[in-house]
Protein backbone atom coordinates (compact mmCIF):
# COMPACT_ATOMS: atom_id res chain seq x y z
CA UNK A 1 -126.83 8.24 -101.32
CA UNK A 2 -124.51 10.24 -99.28
CA UNK A 3 -123.65 7.74 -97.04
CA UNK A 4 -123.01 5.38 -100.41
CA UNK A 5 -120.68 7.54 -101.83
CA UNK A 6 -118.82 8.14 -99.21
CA UNK A 7 -117.95 4.77 -98.72
CA UNK A 8 -116.85 4.05 -102.52
CA UNK A 9 -113.76 6.43 -101.73
CA UNK A 10 -113.05 4.99 -98.86
CA UNK A 11 -112.52 1.55 -100.86
CA UNK A 12 -110.77 3.71 -103.91
CA UNK A 13 -107.87 4.77 -101.49
CA UNK A 14 -106.75 1.24 -100.22
CA UNK A 15 -106.57 -0.15 -103.62
CA UNK A 16 -103.82 2.57 -104.94
CA UNK A 17 -102.24 2.18 -102.07
CA UNK A 18 -101.51 -1.54 -102.36
CA UNK A 19 -100.39 -0.48 -106.35
CA UNK A 20 -97.89 1.18 -105.13
CA UNK A 21 -96.60 -1.12 -102.23
CA UNK A 22 -96.21 -3.55 -105.25
CA UNK A 23 -94.52 -1.50 -107.21
CA UNK A 24 -92.02 -0.51 -104.85
CA UNK A 25 -91.73 -4.44 -104.29
CA UNK A 26 -90.59 -5.85 -107.41
CA UNK A 27 -88.19 -2.39 -107.41
CA UNK A 28 -86.38 -3.64 -104.38
CA UNK A 29 -86.93 -7.40 -105.74
CA UNK A 30 -85.12 -6.44 -108.79
CA UNK A 31 -82.16 -4.49 -107.44
CA UNK A 32 -80.99 -7.32 -104.20
CA UNK A 33 -79.08 -9.59 -107.48
CA UNK A 34 -77.35 -5.98 -108.50
CA UNK A 35 -76.35 -5.33 -105.44
CA UNK A 36 -75.60 -8.72 -104.32
CA UNK A 37 -73.60 -9.28 -107.35
CA UNK A 38 -71.68 -5.73 -106.81
CA UNK A 39 -70.75 -6.91 -103.65
CA UNK A 40 -69.75 -10.11 -104.78
CA UNK A 41 -67.49 -8.36 -107.73
CA UNK A 42 -65.63 -5.88 -105.05
CA UNK A 43 -65.35 -8.75 -103.02
CA UNK A 44 -63.86 -10.86 -105.55
CA UNK A 45 -61.25 -7.97 -106.36
CA UNK A 46 -60.53 -7.75 -102.88
CA UNK A 47 -59.23 -11.22 -102.49
CA UNK A 48 -56.85 -11.12 -105.48
CA UNK A 49 -55.70 -8.13 -104.02
CA UNK A 50 -55.53 -10.13 -100.62
CA UNK A 51 -53.78 -13.52 -102.46
CA UNK A 52 -51.39 -11.22 -104.20
CA UNK A 53 -50.33 -9.07 -101.25
CA UNK A 54 -50.28 -12.34 -99.05
CA UNK A 55 -48.12 -13.67 -102.22
CA UNK A 56 -45.79 -11.35 -101.79
CA UNK A 57 -45.73 -11.45 -98.04
CA UNK A 58 -45.09 -15.18 -98.04
CA UNK A 59 -42.51 -14.89 -100.58
CA UNK A 60 -40.62 -11.97 -98.93
CA UNK A 61 -40.83 -13.89 -95.31
CA UNK A 62 -39.33 -16.76 -97.05
CA UNK A 63 -36.63 -15.35 -98.26
CA UNK A 64 -35.82 -14.05 -94.63
CA UNK A 65 -36.06 -17.08 -93.14
CA UNK A 66 -33.14 -18.93 -95.66
CA UNK A 67 -31.47 -15.89 -95.37
CA UNK A 68 -31.46 -16.23 -91.19
CA UNK A 69 -31.26 -19.89 -92.19
CA UNK A 70 -27.82 -19.13 -94.13
CA UNK A 71 -26.79 -17.08 -91.26
CA UNK A 72 -27.44 -19.38 -88.80
CA UNK A 73 -25.28 -22.60 -90.89
CA UNK A 74 -22.59 -19.75 -90.52
CA UNK A 75 -22.92 -18.69 -87.82
CA UNK A 76 -22.82 -22.32 -86.50
CA UNK A 77 -20.08 -23.28 -88.41
CA UNK A 78 -17.91 -20.36 -86.67
CA UNK A 79 -19.42 -21.41 -83.41
CA UNK A 80 -18.33 -25.70 -84.43
CA UNK A 81 -15.13 -24.20 -85.55
CA UNK A 82 -14.42 -21.67 -82.48
CA UNK A 83 -15.62 -24.57 -80.31
CA UNK A 84 -13.04 -27.18 -81.30
CA UNK A 85 -10.40 -24.16 -80.58
CA UNK A 86 -11.09 -23.34 -77.19
CA UNK A 87 -11.88 -27.65 -76.98
CA UNK A 88 -8.06 -27.70 -78.73
CA UNK A 89 -6.64 -24.80 -76.06
CA UNK A 90 -8.47 -26.14 -72.96
CA UNK A 91 -6.87 -29.19 -73.83
CA UNK A 92 -3.56 -27.91 -74.16
CA UNK A 93 -4.21 -25.89 -70.72
CA UNK A 94 -4.75 -28.98 -69.05
CA UNK A 95 -1.84 -30.79 -70.34
CA UNK A 96 0.28 -27.69 -69.13
CA UNK A 97 -1.58 -27.66 -65.79
CA UNK A 98 -1.27 -31.59 -65.20
CA UNK A 99 2.45 -31.20 -66.34
CA UNK A 100 2.78 -28.21 -63.59
CA UNK A 101 0.91 -30.30 -61.36
CA UNK A 102 3.16 -33.03 -62.14
CA UNK A 103 6.04 -30.88 -61.48
CA UNK A 104 4.67 -29.49 -58.04
CA UNK A 105 4.19 -33.26 -56.92
CA UNK A 106 7.19 -34.19 -57.73
CA UNK A 107 9.05 -31.14 -55.78
CA UNK A 108 7.12 -32.39 -52.89
CA UNK A 109 8.02 -35.23 -53.03
CA UNK A 110 11.37 -34.35 -53.07
CA UNK A 111 10.91 -31.78 -50.47
CA UNK A 112 8.92 -34.79 -48.67
CA UNK A 113 11.95 -36.74 -49.10
CA UNK A 114 14.50 -34.28 -48.16
CA UNK A 115 12.42 -33.44 -45.01
CA UNK A 116 12.44 -37.32 -44.20
CA UNK A 117 16.04 -38.13 -45.06
CA UNK A 118 16.61 -34.19 -42.60
CA UNK A 119 14.57 -35.92 -39.57
CA UNK A 120 16.02 -39.49 -40.05
CA UNK A 121 19.61 -38.04 -39.70
CA UNK A 122 18.92 -35.74 -37.36
CA UNK A 123 16.94 -38.59 -35.25
CA UNK A 124 20.15 -41.14 -35.93
CA UNK A 125 22.50 -37.69 -34.53
CA UNK A 126 19.88 -37.26 -31.56
CA UNK A 127 20.20 -40.79 -30.42
CA UNK A 128 23.50 -40.91 -29.56
CA UNK A 129 23.09 -37.85 -28.19
CA UNK A 130 20.27 -39.02 -26.04
CA UNK A 131 22.37 -41.77 -24.72
CA UNK A 132 25.19 -40.12 -24.27
CA UNK A 133 23.20 -38.14 -22.00
CA UNK A 134 21.56 -41.65 -20.30
CA UNK A 135 24.74 -42.57 -20.01
CA UNK A 136 26.77 -39.49 -18.58
CA UNK A 137 23.42 -39.23 -15.86
CA UNK A 138 24.22 -39.81 -12.53
CA UNK A 139 22.87 -42.99 -10.98
CA UNK A 140 20.63 -41.19 -7.37
CA UNK A 141 22.88 -41.03 -4.23
CA UNK A 142 21.96 -44.11 -2.67
CA UNK A 143 22.70 -44.89 1.24
CA UNK A 144 21.29 -47.30 4.24
CA UNK A 145 21.78 -50.63 5.09
CA UNK A 146 21.32 -52.61 2.39
CA UNK A 147 23.47 -50.72 0.46
CA UNK A 148 26.72 -51.32 2.80
CA UNK A 149 25.74 -55.13 2.15
CA UNK A 150 24.45 -55.20 -1.51
CA UNK A 151 26.21 -52.45 -3.44
CA UNK A 152 24.00 -50.15 -5.80
CA UNK A 153 22.95 -52.34 -8.10
CA UNK A 154 20.85 -55.33 -8.24
CA UNK A 155 20.04 -57.75 -10.65
CA UNK A 156 16.93 -59.48 -12.34
CA UNK A 157 15.81 -61.84 -14.88
CA UNK A 158 13.10 -62.09 -17.53
CA UNK A 159 12.43 -64.94 -19.78
CA UNK A 160 11.84 -63.71 -23.31
CA UNK A 161 11.19 -67.13 -24.02
CA UNK A 162 11.63 -70.81 -23.49
CA UNK A 163 15.58 -70.16 -24.87
CA UNK A 164 16.40 -66.46 -24.71
CA UNK A 165 16.22 -64.35 -21.31
CA UNK A 166 16.50 -59.99 -20.35
CA UNK A 167 18.65 -59.46 -17.19
CA UNK A 168 17.50 -56.28 -16.10
CA UNK A 169 19.40 -53.66 -13.35
CA UNK A 170 17.46 -52.32 -10.68
CA UNK A 171 18.62 -49.44 -7.62
CA UNK A 172 19.08 -51.08 -4.32
CA UNK A 173 17.02 -49.16 -2.54
CA UNK A 174 13.82 -48.99 -4.60
CA UNK A 175 13.70 -52.55 -5.59
CA UNK A 176 13.97 -53.67 -2.20
CA UNK A 177 11.71 -50.76 -0.80
CA UNK A 178 8.57 -52.05 0.88
CA UNK A 179 10.04 -55.46 1.53
CA UNK A 180 9.80 -57.01 5.87
CA UNK A 181 12.04 -59.97 4.61
CA UNK A 182 14.89 -60.18 3.36
CA UNK A 183 16.59 -63.32 1.70
CA UNK A 184 20.44 -63.54 1.29
CA UNK A 185 20.76 -67.62 -0.58
CA UNK A 186 24.44 -68.72 -1.07
CA UNK A 187 23.92 -71.33 -4.20
CA UNK A 188 25.90 -72.76 -6.92
CA UNK A 189 24.96 -74.43 -10.00
CA UNK A 190 28.01 -77.07 -9.73
CA UNK A 191 26.14 -78.13 -5.57
CA UNK A 192 23.93 -81.13 -5.80
CA UNK A 193 21.44 -79.82 -2.55
CA UNK A 194 21.69 -76.64 -4.34
CA UNK A 195 20.21 -77.84 -7.28
CA UNK A 196 17.41 -79.83 -4.91
CA UNK A 197 16.56 -76.79 -2.63
CA UNK A 198 16.51 -74.17 -5.14
CA UNK A 199 13.25 -75.62 -6.46
CA UNK A 200 11.57 -75.66 -3.05
CA UNK A 201 12.58 -72.28 -2.21
CA UNK A 202 10.73 -71.09 -5.39
CA UNK A 203 7.69 -72.56 -4.29
CA UNK A 204 8.30 -71.20 -1.21
CA UNK A 205 9.01 -67.75 -2.33
CA UNK A 206 5.32 -67.82 -3.77
CA UNK A 207 3.72 -69.33 -1.56
CA UNK A 208 4.61 -66.06 1.25
CA UNK A 209 4.18 -63.09 -1.09
CA UNK A 210 0.75 -64.44 -2.15
CA UNK A 211 -0.32 -64.22 1.95
CA UNK A 212 -3.21 -62.45 2.37
CA UNK A 213 -2.03 -58.77 3.96
CA UNK A 214 1.84 -59.71 2.97
CA UNK A 215 2.06 -59.73 -0.64
CA UNK A 216 5.56 -58.89 -2.14
CA UNK A 217 7.04 -58.37 1.47
CA UNK A 218 9.71 -61.40 0.88
CA UNK A 219 12.59 -60.60 -1.67
CA UNK A 220 15.96 -63.15 -1.97
CA UNK A 221 19.14 -62.11 -2.97
CA UNK A 222 21.23 -64.31 -4.60
CA UNK A 223 24.57 -64.23 -3.72
CA UNK A 224 26.14 -66.89 -6.65
CA UNK A 225 28.82 -69.34 -5.30
CA UNK A 226 28.99 -70.56 -8.97
CA UNK A 227 32.78 -70.44 -10.98
CA UNK A 228 32.04 -68.20 -14.16
CA UNK A 229 29.40 -65.94 -15.61
CA UNK A 230 27.66 -68.22 -18.25
CA UNK A 231 27.02 -70.72 -15.07
CA UNK A 232 25.37 -67.48 -13.23
CA UNK A 233 23.09 -67.10 -16.47
CA UNK A 234 21.88 -70.43 -16.88
CA UNK A 235 21.48 -71.13 -12.63
CA UNK A 236 19.44 -67.81 -12.89
CA UNK A 237 16.71 -68.85 -14.98
CA UNK A 238 15.77 -71.70 -12.47
CA UNK A 239 14.54 -68.50 -9.93
CA UNK A 240 12.52 -65.75 -10.01
CA UNK A 241 14.31 -63.39 -7.75
CA UNK A 242 17.31 -60.99 -7.53
CA UNK A 243 20.66 -61.20 -7.79
CA UNK A 244 24.24 -59.51 -7.35
CA UNK A 245 25.59 -59.23 -9.80
CA UNK A 246 28.33 -61.81 -10.76
CA UNK A 247 31.77 -60.03 -10.82
CA UNK A 248 30.70 -59.18 -7.09
CA UNK A 249 29.39 -62.23 -5.82
CA UNK A 250 32.21 -63.55 -7.01
CA UNK A 251 34.64 -60.70 -5.91
CA UNK A 252 35.13 -58.84 -2.48
CA UNK A 253 31.70 -58.46 -1.65
CA UNK A 254 30.27 -62.79 -1.74
CA UNK A 255 33.27 -63.01 0.03
CA UNK A 256 32.75 -60.04 2.57
CA UNK A 257 29.27 -61.18 2.77
CA UNK A 258 29.59 -64.83 3.36
CA UNK A 259 32.40 -63.61 6.29
CA UNK A 260 29.93 -61.70 7.89
CA UNK A 261 26.61 -64.28 8.26
CA UNK A 262 29.15 -67.03 9.11
CA UNK A 263 28.62 -69.04 5.72
CA UNK A 264 30.30 -71.94 6.33
CA UNK A 265 28.82 -74.43 3.52
CA UNK A 266 25.97 -74.22 0.57
CA UNK A 267 23.08 -74.19 0.72
CA UNK A 268 22.71 -71.58 2.90
CA UNK A 269 19.67 -68.77 3.47
CA UNK A 270 20.28 -66.18 5.73
CA UNK A 271 16.80 -64.24 6.44
CA UNK A 272 16.97 -59.84 7.81
CA UNK A 273 14.64 -57.78 8.62
CA UNK A 274 13.50 -54.57 6.77
CA UNK A 275 16.72 -52.66 8.50
CA UNK A 276 19.29 -55.65 7.78
CA UNK A 277 19.33 -56.74 10.94
CA UNK A 278 19.70 -61.42 10.87
CA UNK A 279 16.65 -63.10 12.42
CA UNK A 280 17.65 -66.20 11.38
CA UNK A 281 20.89 -67.75 9.73
CA UNK A 282 19.25 -71.28 9.65
CA UNK A 283 16.53 -70.43 7.32
CA UNK A 284 17.81 -73.56 4.92
CA UNK A 285 16.69 -75.90 7.73
CA UNK A 286 13.39 -74.01 8.64
CA UNK A 287 11.81 -74.04 5.18
CA UNK A 288 11.61 -78.14 5.13
CA UNK A 289 10.53 -78.04 8.90
CA UNK A 290 7.60 -75.18 8.00
CA UNK A 291 6.60 -75.63 4.21
CA UNK A 292 3.49 -74.11 4.86
CA UNK A 293 5.22 -71.10 6.59
CA UNK A 294 3.25 -70.64 9.70
CA UNK A 295 6.13 -69.28 11.72
CA UNK A 296 7.94 -67.32 8.82
CA UNK A 297 10.13 -65.94 9.45
CA UNK A 298 10.73 -67.88 12.73
CA UNK A 299 11.99 -64.08 14.18
CA UNK A 300 12.73 -64.99 18.33
CA UNK A 301 10.68 -63.35 21.02
CA UNK A 302 12.84 -60.54 21.73
CA UNK A 303 13.43 -59.17 17.80
CA UNK A 304 9.55 -59.99 17.96
CA UNK A 305 9.02 -57.53 20.54
CA UNK A 306 11.32 -55.16 19.44
CA UNK A 307 9.66 -54.89 16.27
CA UNK A 308 6.49 -54.32 17.64
CA UNK A 309 7.42 -51.55 20.45
CA UNK A 310 9.82 -49.67 17.79
CA UNK A 311 9.25 -48.38 14.74
CA UNK A 312 11.65 -48.79 11.88
CA UNK A 313 13.11 -44.85 11.33
CA UNK A 314 14.24 -45.76 15.61
CA UNK A 315 15.22 -49.18 14.77
CA UNK A 316 17.78 -47.63 12.01
CA UNK A 317 18.69 -44.65 13.91
CA UNK A 318 19.49 -46.81 16.75
CA UNK A 319 20.85 -49.38 14.72
CA UNK A 320 23.44 -46.48 12.48
CA UNK A 321 25.08 -45.47 16.22
CA UNK A 322 25.44 -48.52 17.09
CA UNK A 323 27.48 -48.86 14.11
CA UNK A 324 29.26 -45.70 14.31
CA UNK A 325 30.54 -46.62 17.48
CA UNK A 326 31.28 -49.81 16.45
CA UNK A 327 33.58 -48.61 13.66
CA UNK A 328 35.29 -45.72 15.95
CA UNK A 329 35.71 -48.56 18.35
CA UNK A 330 37.94 -50.62 16.11
CA UNK A 331 39.36 -48.15 14.99
CA UNK A 332 40.53 -47.06 18.52
CA UNK A 333 41.60 -50.51 18.99
CA UNK A 334 43.74 -50.83 16.00
CA UNK A 335 45.49 -47.64 16.70
CA UNK A 336 46.43 -48.94 19.43
CA UNK A 337 47.41 -52.07 18.47
CA UNK A 338 49.67 -50.82 16.07
CA UNK A 339 50.74 -48.34 18.63
CA UNK A 340 51.75 -50.80 20.74
CA UNK A 341 53.49 -52.67 18.42
CA UNK A 342 56.28 -50.04 17.13
CA UNK A 343 56.57 -49.60 20.89
CA UNK A 344 57.94 -53.20 21.48
């Protein structure tokens, strides 16, 4: 019995517990919809409140945006007007600047023109002064045997074109410096034999001055026997050498040279050495016989010996001393002759 009764009691207690659990579950199930409904109602109120608040917020925001847009439109209009005014002012300022720049350029141009005119006038005034100074500049002092013979100035002629020529003046000592042989050519345009010989002399002149080791050591000075200056100029165009000025050649100097070198006819070619001593008086006949110039300048054996043994400076000194002695002797003889004539 004790074991049976004990079993009955243990089986009854679990059933009571199960019943209680069932009741609790039903109560829980019945309360869940109520809670859900309550939650939904609360959520709906909150959503309505939120929607109302959001509408108010959006309305306020749209009002602010509209006011901002109006202000920005007003600001844009003001900015456009201000920009137009600034542009107009800038254009006016640019116009003023352009006008000022144009005025400055005009002033600068006027100043430049005035300066150029002043410089031109200064140059015009300076040029005559320079020319006067050049004319006032005295020629260099020249001495020597060639100055005594030819004077201080010799002429050369340069052909500008086929119909025009230009005459240049040269100082005698400068243009004859370094010349070993100097020829005096007595000739005239009206002389037939002169016109025939002159081309041969031109060829010979070029040939002698092109020799190796003796380049440009030969010079010729033309002593004109033309009757006027125009004839002198025309005949000079056929020559490549120097000439006495026409007034000198047709005057006393030309007559003096003719007498000194015993010129009896033309053409005549006299050859002198570097100190003015005579090498030959017969160059006119030497050239046709020696066209190649093998024996040029046809010195005498004694002349070759003297020029070899004694330098130019010594020979020039001796010549000047001898010339001085001869001048004194002539003066003495002339005085004695005049004294004798007076005594009679």
